[in-house]
């Protein structure tokens, strides 16, 4: 006679979405902080500020694409 499994079932889909969200945040922060920091160190602090603005625009494009793909995924019914 086998005993029932005490562990609850795992929701892999929710775990994947959480992991994707965390990775997206880490990539964005890394891009902004390390990218603009390196620009400021290599060129000048003023260039770092301008670089931060340009990188922020790039992050916005990445964010819009991520939102678009998330909406398509929900529409298709993953």
C-alpha atoms as a PDB file:
ATOM      1  CA  UNK A   1       0.000   0.000   0.000  1.00  0.00           C
ATOM      2  CA  UNK A   2       1.517   3.317  -1.038  1.00  0.00           C
ATOM      3  CA  UNK A   3       1.114   6.476   0.980  1.00  0.00           C
ATOM      4  CA  UNK A   4      -0.140   9.666  -0.693  1.00  0.00           C
ATOM      5  CA  UNK A   5       2.508  12.121  -1.809  1.00  0.00           C
ATOM      6  CA  UNK A   6       2.694  14.941   0.793  1.00  0.00           C
ATOM      7  CA  UNK A   7       4.186  17.414  -1.691  1.00  0.00           C
ATOM      8  CA  UNK A   8       1.814  19.704  -3.560  1.00  0.00           C
ATOM      9  CA  UNK A   9       1.884  19.563  -7.367  1.00  0.00           C
ATOM     10  CA  UNK A  10       4.337  21.938  -8.970  1.00  0.00           C
ATOM     11  CA  UNK A  11       3.122  24.639 -11.333  1.00  0.00           C
ATOM     12  CA  UNK A  12       5.943  24.776 -13.875  1.00  0.00           C
ATOM     13  CA  UNK A  13       4.222  27.346 -16.048  1.00  0.00           C
ATOM     14  CA  UNK A  14       3.994  29.869 -13.197  1.00  0.00           C
ATOM     15  CA  UNK A  15       7.613  29.133 -12.226  1.00  0.00           C
ATOM     16  CA  UNK A  16       8.723  29.766 -15.830  1.00  0.00           C
ATOM     17  CA  UNK A  17       6.900  33.108 -15.943  1.00  0.00           C
ATOM     18  CA  UNK A  18       8.425  34.181 -12.635  1.00  0.00           C
ATOM     19  CA  UNK A  19      11.884  33.185 -13.811  1.00  0.00           C
ATOM     20  CA  UNK A  20      11.473  35.027 -17.115  1.00  0.00           C
ATOM     21  CA  UNK A  21      10.354  38.156 -15.272  1.00  0.00           C
ATOM     22  CA  UNK A  22      13.313  38.019 -12.862  1.00  0.00           C
ATOM     23  CA  UNK A  23      15.779  37.471 -15.705  1.00  0.00           C
ATOM     24  CA  UNK A  24      14.321  40.387 -17.665  1.00  0.00           C
ATOM     25  CA  UNK A  25      14.733  42.699 -14.666  1.00  0.00           C
ATOM     26  CA  UNK A  26      18.327  41.550 -14.115  1.00  0.00           C
ATOM     27  CA  UNK A  27      19.205  42.063 -17.796  1.00  0.00           C
ATOM     28  CA  UNK A  28      17.681  45.548 -17.803  1.00  0.00           C
ATOM     29  CA  UNK A  29      19.491  46.607 -14.633  1.00  0.00           C
ATOM     30  CA  UNK A  30      22.770  45.129 -15.871  1.00  0.00           C
ATOM     31  CA  UNK A  31      22.407  46.905 -19.206  1.00  0.00           C
ATOM     32  CA  UNK A  32      21.630  50.265 -17.616  1.00  0.00           C
ATOM     33  CA  UNK A  33      24.047  50.244 -14.687  1.00  0.00           C
ATOM     34  CA  UNK A  34      27.045  48.426 -16.131  1.00  0.00           C
ATOM     35  CA  UNK A  35      26.656  49.888 -19.605  1.00  0.00           C
ATOM     36  CA  UNK A  36      26.365  53.504 -18.499  1.00  0.00           C
ATOM     37  CA  UNK A  37      29.035  52.942 -15.821  1.00  0.00           C
ATOM     38  CA  UNK A  38      31.513  51.682 -18.398  1.00  0.00           C
ATOM     39  CA  UNK A  39      30.715  54.577 -20.705  1.00  0.00           C
ATOM     40  CA  UNK A  40      31.294  57.000 -17.818  1.00  0.00           C
ATOM     41  CA  UNK A  41      34.604  55.349 -16.873  1.00  0.00           C
ATOM     42  CA  UNK A  42      35.949  55.085 -20.411  1.00  0.00           C
ATOM     43  CA  UNK A  43      34.813  58.455 -21.746  1.00  0.00           C
ATOM     44  CA  UNK A  44      33.486  60.897 -19.129  1.00  0.00           C
ATOM     45  CA  UNK A  45      30.664  61.207 -16.589  1.00  0.00           C
ATOM     46  CA  UNK A  46      28.757  63.448 -19.016  1.00  0.00           C
ATOM     47  CA  UNK A  47      28.954  60.794 -21.692  1.00  0.00           C
ATOM     48  CA  UNK A  48      27.778  58.267 -19.110  1.00  0.00           C
ATOM     49  CA  UNK A  49      24.631  60.318 -18.505  1.00  0.00           C
ATOM     50  CA  UNK A  50      23.934  60.571 -22.231  1.00  0.00           C
ATOM     51  CA  UNK A  51      24.669  56.862 -22.604  1.00  0.00           C
ATOM     52  CA  UNK A  52      22.239  56.113 -19.779  1.00  0.00           C
ATOM     53  CA  UNK A  53      19.516  57.986 -21.669  1.00  0.00           C
ATOM     54  CA  UNK A  54      20.228  56.086 -24.869  1.00  0.00           C
ATOM     55  CA  UNK A  55      20.332  52.761 -23.019  1.00  0.00           C
ATOM     56  CA  UNK A  56      17.066  53.664 -21.316  1.00  0.00           C
ATOM     57  CA  UNK A  57      15.483  54.091 -24.738  1.00  0.00           C
ATOM     58  CA  UNK A  58      16.828  50.664 -25.734  1.00  0.00           C
ATOM     59  CA  UNK A  59      15.406  49.154 -22.555  1.00  0.00           C
ATOM     60  CA  UNK A  60      12.038  50.679 -23.443  1.00  0.00           C
ATOM     61  CA  UNK A  61      12.123  48.968 -26.838  1.00  0.00           C
ATOM     62  CA  UNK A  62      13.027  45.655 -25.178  1.00  0.00           C
ATOM     63  CA  UNK A  63      10.193  46.163 -22.691  1.00  0.00           C
ATOM     64  CA  UNK A  64       7.663  46.859 -25.430  1.00  0.00           C
ATOM     65  CA  UNK A  65       8.721  43.736 -27.311  1.00  0.00           C
ATOM     66  CA  UNK A  66       8.477  41.670 -24.122  1.00  0.00           C
ATOM     67  CA  UNK A  67       4.976  43.003 -23.425  1.00  0.00           C
ATOM     68  CA  UNK A  68       3.939  42.340 -27.037  1.00  0.00           C
ATOM     69  CA  UNK A  69       5.198  38.756 -26.919  1.00  0.00           C
ATOM     70  CA  UNK A  70       3.512  38.193 -23.545  1.00  0.00           C
ATOM     71  CA  UNK A  71       0.189  39.432 -24.947  1.00  0.00           C
ATOM     72  CA  UNK A  72       0.548  37.201 -28.012  1.00  0.00           C
ATOM     73  CA  UNK A  73       1.318  34.236 -25.760  1.00  0.00           C
ATOM     74  CA  UNK A  74      -1.815  34.867 -23.703  1.00  0.00           C
ATOM     75  CA  UNK A  75      -3.922  35.387 -26.830  1.00  0.00           C
ATOM     76  CA  UNK A  76      -2.754  32.108 -28.339  1.00  0.00           C
ATOM     77  CA  UNK A  77      -3.518  30.373 -25.070  1.00  0.00           C
ATOM     78  CA  UNK A  78      -0.225  28.854 -23.985  1.00  0.00           C
END
